[in-house]
Amino acid sequence: MTDFNQMSKAELRAYVLAHRDDSTAFSILVDRLKADSSHQVWHPCPNTPDDWAKVSALIEAQLNEQIDS
């Protein structure tokens, strides 16, 4: 049995790509990626037309932030 906790993130990613049906490995990789993300932002689903109008501005701001960093 493979010990996913001993693998680096790159090794685990390579394993998941080679073993796409291994849902345990995939879940562990996703958990690691989430834990490593320092810029997690949660936006609720838009419910009103005004909320929907803000979506494109939020996306554009996020893209600009990524370009600047």
N, C-alpha and C. Protein backbone atom coordinates (compact mmCIF):
# COMPACT_ATOMS: atom_id res chain seq x y z
N MET A 1 0.85 -1.20 0.00
CA MET A 1 0.00 0.00 0.00
C MET A 1 0.88 1.25 0.00
N THR A 2 0.50 2.24 -0.76
CA THR A 2 1.27 3.47 -0.89
C THR A 2 0.95 4.42 0.25
N ASP A 3 2.00 5.01 0.83
CA ASP A 3 1.82 5.98 1.92
C ASP A 3 1.82 7.39 1.32
N PHE A 4 0.63 7.91 1.06
CA PHE A 4 0.51 9.22 0.41
C PHE A 4 1.04 10.34 1.29
N ASN A 5 1.00 10.17 2.61
CA ASN A 5 1.46 11.21 3.51
C ASN A 5 2.97 11.40 3.47
N GLN A 6 3.69 10.42 2.98
CA GLN A 6 5.14 10.51 2.87
C GLN A 6 5.58 11.12 1.53
N MET A 7 4.64 11.25 0.60
CA MET A 7 4.95 11.79 -0.73
C MET A 7 4.97 13.31 -0.70
N SER A 8 5.82 13.89 -1.52
CA SER A 8 5.77 15.34 -1.71
C SER A 8 4.52 15.65 -2.53
N LYS A 9 4.17 16.92 -2.59
CA LYS A 9 3.00 17.30 -3.37
C LYS A 9 3.19 16.94 -4.85
N ALA A 10 4.40 17.14 -5.36
CA ALA A 10 4.68 16.82 -6.76
C ALA A 10 4.58 15.31 -7.01
N GLU A 11 5.10 14.52 -6.08
CA GLU A 11 5.01 13.07 -6.22
C GLU A 11 3.56 12.60 -6.17
N LEU A 12 2.79 13.18 -5.25
CA LEU A 12 1.39 12.81 -5.12
C LEU A 12 0.61 13.19 -6.37
N ARG A 13 0.90 14.36 -6.91
CA ARG A 13 0.24 14.80 -8.14
C ARG A 13 0.55 13.83 -9.29
N ALA A 14 1.82 13.46 -9.41
CA ALA A 14 2.22 12.51 -10.46
C ALA A 14 1.51 11.17 -10.26
N TYR A 15 1.40 10.74 -9.02
CA TYR A 15 0.72 9.48 -8.73
C TYR A 15 -0.75 9.57 -9.16
N VAL A 16 -1.41 10.66 -8.79
CA VAL A 16 -2.83 10.83 -9.13
C VAL A 16 -3.01 10.84 -10.65
N LEU A 17 -2.11 11.51 -11.36
CA LEU A 17 -2.21 11.54 -12.82
C LEU A 17 -2.02 10.15 -13.42
N ALA A 18 -1.17 9.34 -12.81
CA ALA A 18 -0.93 7.98 -13.31
C ALA A 18 -2.00 6.99 -12.86
N HIS A 19 -2.70 7.31 -11.76
CA HIS A 19 -3.72 6.41 -11.20
C HIS A 19 -5.03 7.18 -11.01
N ARG A 20 -5.61 7.59 -12.09
CA ARG A 20 -6.78 8.47 -12.05
C ARG A 20 -8.00 7.87 -11.37
N ASP A 21 -8.03 6.59 -11.17
CA ASP A 21 -9.17 5.96 -10.52
C ASP A 21 -8.99 5.84 -9.01
N ASP A 22 -7.87 6.30 -8.48
CA ASP A 22 -7.59 6.21 -7.04
C ASP A 22 -8.18 7.43 -6.33
N SER A 23 -9.41 7.28 -5.86
CA SER A 23 -10.11 8.42 -5.25
C SER A 23 -9.50 8.82 -3.91
N THR A 24 -8.87 7.89 -3.22
CA THR A 24 -8.22 8.22 -1.94
C THR A 24 -7.05 9.16 -2.18
N ALA A 25 -6.22 8.84 -3.14
CA ALA A 25 -5.06 9.69 -3.46
C ALA A 25 -5.53 11.06 -3.93
N PHE A 26 -6.57 11.08 -4.76
CA PHE A 26 -7.10 12.36 -5.25
C PHE A 26 -7.60 13.22 -4.09
N SER A 27 -8.32 12.62 -3.17
CA SER A 27 -8.84 13.37 -2.02
C SER A 27 -7.71 13.94 -1.16
N ILE A 28 -6.68 13.15 -0.95
CA ILE A 28 -5.55 13.63 -0.16
C ILE A 28 -4.85 14.77 -0.88
N LEU A 29 -4.69 14.67 -2.20
CA LEU A 29 -4.07 15.76 -2.95
C LEU A 29 -4.89 17.04 -2.86
N VAL A 30 -6.19 16.94 -3.02
CA VAL A 30 -7.07 18.11 -2.93
C VAL A 30 -6.98 18.74 -1.54
N ASP A 31 -6.99 17.91 -0.51
CA ASP A 31 -6.88 18.42 0.86
C ASP A 31 -5.56 19.17 1.05
N ARG A 32 -4.48 18.63 0.50
CA ARG A 32 -3.18 19.30 0.63
C ARG A 32 -3.16 20.63 -0.11
N LEU A 33 -3.73 20.64 -1.32
CA LEU A 33 -3.77 21.88 -2.09
C LEU A 33 -4.60 22.95 -1.39
N LYS A 34 -5.71 22.55 -0.81
CA LYS A 34 -6.54 23.49 -0.06
C LYS A 34 -5.80 24.03 1.15
N ALA A 35 -5.11 23.16 1.87
CA ALA A 35 -4.39 23.58 3.08
C ALA A 35 -3.24 24.53 2.75
N ASP A 36 -2.65 24.36 1.58
CA ASP A 36 -1.52 25.21 1.19
C ASP A 36 -1.94 26.55 0.61
N SER A 37 -3.19 26.69 0.26
CA SER A 37 -3.66 27.92 -0.36
C SER A 37 -3.82 29.01 0.69
N SER A 38 -3.06 30.08 0.52
CA SER A 38 -3.14 31.18 1.48
C SER A 38 -4.12 32.27 1.05
N HIS A 39 -4.63 32.15 -0.17
CA HIS A 39 -5.52 33.19 -0.69
C HIS A 39 -6.91 32.63 -0.97
N GLN A 40 -7.44 31.87 -0.04
CA GLN A 40 -8.77 31.33 -0.24
C GLN A 40 -9.80 32.42 0.03
N VAL A 41 -10.63 32.68 -0.96
CA VAL A 41 -11.69 33.65 -0.84
C VAL A 41 -12.99 32.95 -1.20
N TRP A 42 -13.99 33.09 -0.36
CA TRP A 42 -15.27 32.48 -0.62
C TRP A 42 -16.28 33.57 -0.95
N HIS A 43 -16.95 33.39 -2.06
CA HIS A 43 -18.00 34.32 -2.47
C HIS A 43 -19.30 33.53 -2.57
N PRO A 44 -20.36 33.99 -1.94
CA PRO A 44 -21.63 33.27 -2.04
C PRO A 44 -22.19 33.32 -3.46
N CYS A 45 -23.02 32.37 -3.77
CA CYS A 45 -23.66 32.34 -5.08
C CYS A 45 -24.55 33.57 -5.24
N PRO A 46 -24.45 34.27 -6.37
CA PRO A 46 -25.29 35.45 -6.59
C PRO A 46 -26.77 35.09 -6.62
N ASN A 47 -27.58 35.89 -5.94
CA ASN A 47 -29.02 35.64 -5.89
C ASN A 47 -29.85 36.70 -6.58
N THR A 48 -29.29 37.87 -6.75
CA THR A 48 -30.05 38.98 -7.34
C THR A 48 -29.33 39.47 -8.59
N PRO A 49 -30.02 40.23 -9.44
CA PRO A 49 -29.34 40.81 -10.61
C PRO A 49 -28.15 41.70 -10.22
N ASP A 50 -28.27 42.41 -9.10
CA ASP A 50 -27.14 43.23 -8.65
C ASP A 50 -25.95 42.36 -8.29
N ASP A 51 -26.22 41.22 -7.62
CA ASP A 51 -25.13 40.29 -7.28
C ASP A 51 -24.45 39.77 -8.54
N TRP A 52 -25.28 39.41 -9.54
CA TRP A 52 -24.72 38.88 -10.78
C TRP A 52 -23.86 39.93 -11.48
N ALA A 53 -24.23 41.18 -11.38
CA ALA A 53 -23.45 42.26 -12.00
C ALA A 53 -22.07 42.38 -11.36
N LYS A 54 -21.98 42.03 -10.08
CA LYS A 54 -20.70 42.13 -9.37
C LYS A 54 -19.75 40.99 -9.71
N VAL A 55 -20.27 39.91 -10.25
CA VAL A 55 -19.44 38.73 -10.51
C VAL A 55 -18.29 39.05 -11.45
N SER A 56 -18.56 39.70 -12.55
CA SER A 56 -17.49 39.99 -13.51
C SER A 56 -16.43 40.90 -12.89
N ALA A 57 -16.84 41.84 -12.04
CA ALA A 57 -15.87 42.72 -11.37
C ALA A 57 -14.99 41.91 -10.42
N LEU A 58 -15.59 40.96 -9.71
CA LEU A 58 -14.81 40.11 -8.80
C LEU A 58 -13.81 39.25 -9.56
N ILE A 59 -14.25 38.69 -10.68
CA ILE A 59 -13.36 37.87 -11.49
C ILE A 59 -12.21 38.71 -12.03
N GLU A 60 -12.53 39.88 -12.54
CA GLU A 60 -11.49 40.75 -13.09
C GLU A 60 -10.50 41.17 -12.01
N ALA A 61 -10.97 41.48 -10.81
CA ALA A 61 -10.08 41.86 -9.71
C ALA A 61 -9.16 40.70 -9.36
N GLN A 62 -9.70 39.49 -9.33
CA GLN A 62 -8.88 38.31 -9.02
C GLN A 62 -7.82 38.10 -10.08
N LEU A 63 -8.20 38.22 -11.34
CA LEU A 63 -7.23 38.05 -12.42
C LEU A 63 -6.14 39.11 -12.35
N ASN A 64 -6.52 40.33 -12.08
CA ASN A 64 -5.52 41.40 -11.98
C ASN A 64 -4.56 41.17 -10.81
N GLU A 65 -5.08 40.65 -9.71
CA GLU A 65 -4.25 40.35 -8.54
C GLU A 65 -3.22 39.27 -8.90
N GLN A 66 -3.64 38.27 -9.66
CA GLN A 66 -2.73 37.19 -10.05
C GLN A 66 -1.66 37.70 -11.00
N ILE A 67 -2.01 38.61 -11.87
CA ILE A 67 -1.05 39.17 -12.82
C ILE A 67 -0.02 40.02 -12.09
N ASP A 68 -0.46 40.78 -11.09
CA ASP A 68 0.44 41.66 -10.37
C ASP A 68 1.41 40.92 -9.45
N SER A 69 1.04 39.71 -9.04
CA SER A 69 1.91 38.99 -8.10
C SER A 69 2.87 38.05 -8.78
